[in-house]
Amino acid sequence: MKAFLAAVATMVVIAAVAPMALEQAGFSADGSTSSSVRLD
């Protein structure tokens, strides 16, 4: 049971920290597309 609770706690921490870490690393969905991308 301890391992399960530790895994759940780890998942919560990763889910909370990941968006901030990815934004700091430059991975963002708010970027613009270049003119060479076709969106048909």
Protein backbone atom coordinates (compact mmCIF):
# COMPACT_ATOMS: atom_id res chain seq x y z
CA MET A 1 0.00 0.00 0.00
CA LYS A 2 2.91 2.35 0.71
CA ALA A 3 4.23 1.89 -2.82
CA PHE A 4 0.84 2.73 -4.31
CA LEU A 5 0.49 5.91 -2.26
CA ALA A 6 4.05 6.93 -3.15
CA ALA A 7 3.29 6.39 -6.84
CA VAL A 8 0.09 8.47 -6.64
CA ALA A 9 1.92 11.26 -4.82
CA THR A 10 4.67 11.18 -7.45
CA MET A 11 2.14 11.41 -10.27
CA VAL A 12 0.47 14.41 -8.63
CA VAL A 13 3.80 16.20 -8.25
CA ILE A 14 4.80 15.48 -11.85
CA ALA A 15 1.42 16.61 -13.17
CA ALA A 16 1.70 19.87 -11.22
CA VAL A 17 5.32 20.66 -12.10
CA ALA A 18 5.44 19.48 -15.74
CA PRO A 19 3.62 22.45 -17.35
CA MET A 20 5.88 24.96 -15.61
CA ALA A 21 9.04 23.00 -16.45
CA LEU A 22 8.06 22.62 -20.11
CA GLU A 23 7.28 26.32 -20.41
CA GLN A 24 10.69 27.20 -18.92
CA ALA A 25 12.35 24.82 -21.39
CA GLY A 26 10.67 26.56 -24.33
CA PHE A 27 7.98 24.01 -25.13
CA SER A 28 4.77 25.98 -25.51
CA ALA A 29 1.58 25.50 -27.49
CA ASP A 30 1.17 29.28 -27.82
CA GLY A 31 3.76 29.63 -30.59
CA SER A 32 2.89 30.77 -34.08
CA THR A 33 3.10 28.63 -37.17
CA SER A 34 5.47 29.40 -39.98
CA SER A 35 4.34 30.17 -43.50
CA SER A 36 5.62 26.80 -44.75
CA VAL A 37 3.02 24.87 -42.73
CA ARG A 38 -0.05 23.90 -44.73
CA LEU A 39 -3.30 23.85 -42.80
CA ASP A 40 -5.79 22.53 -45.37
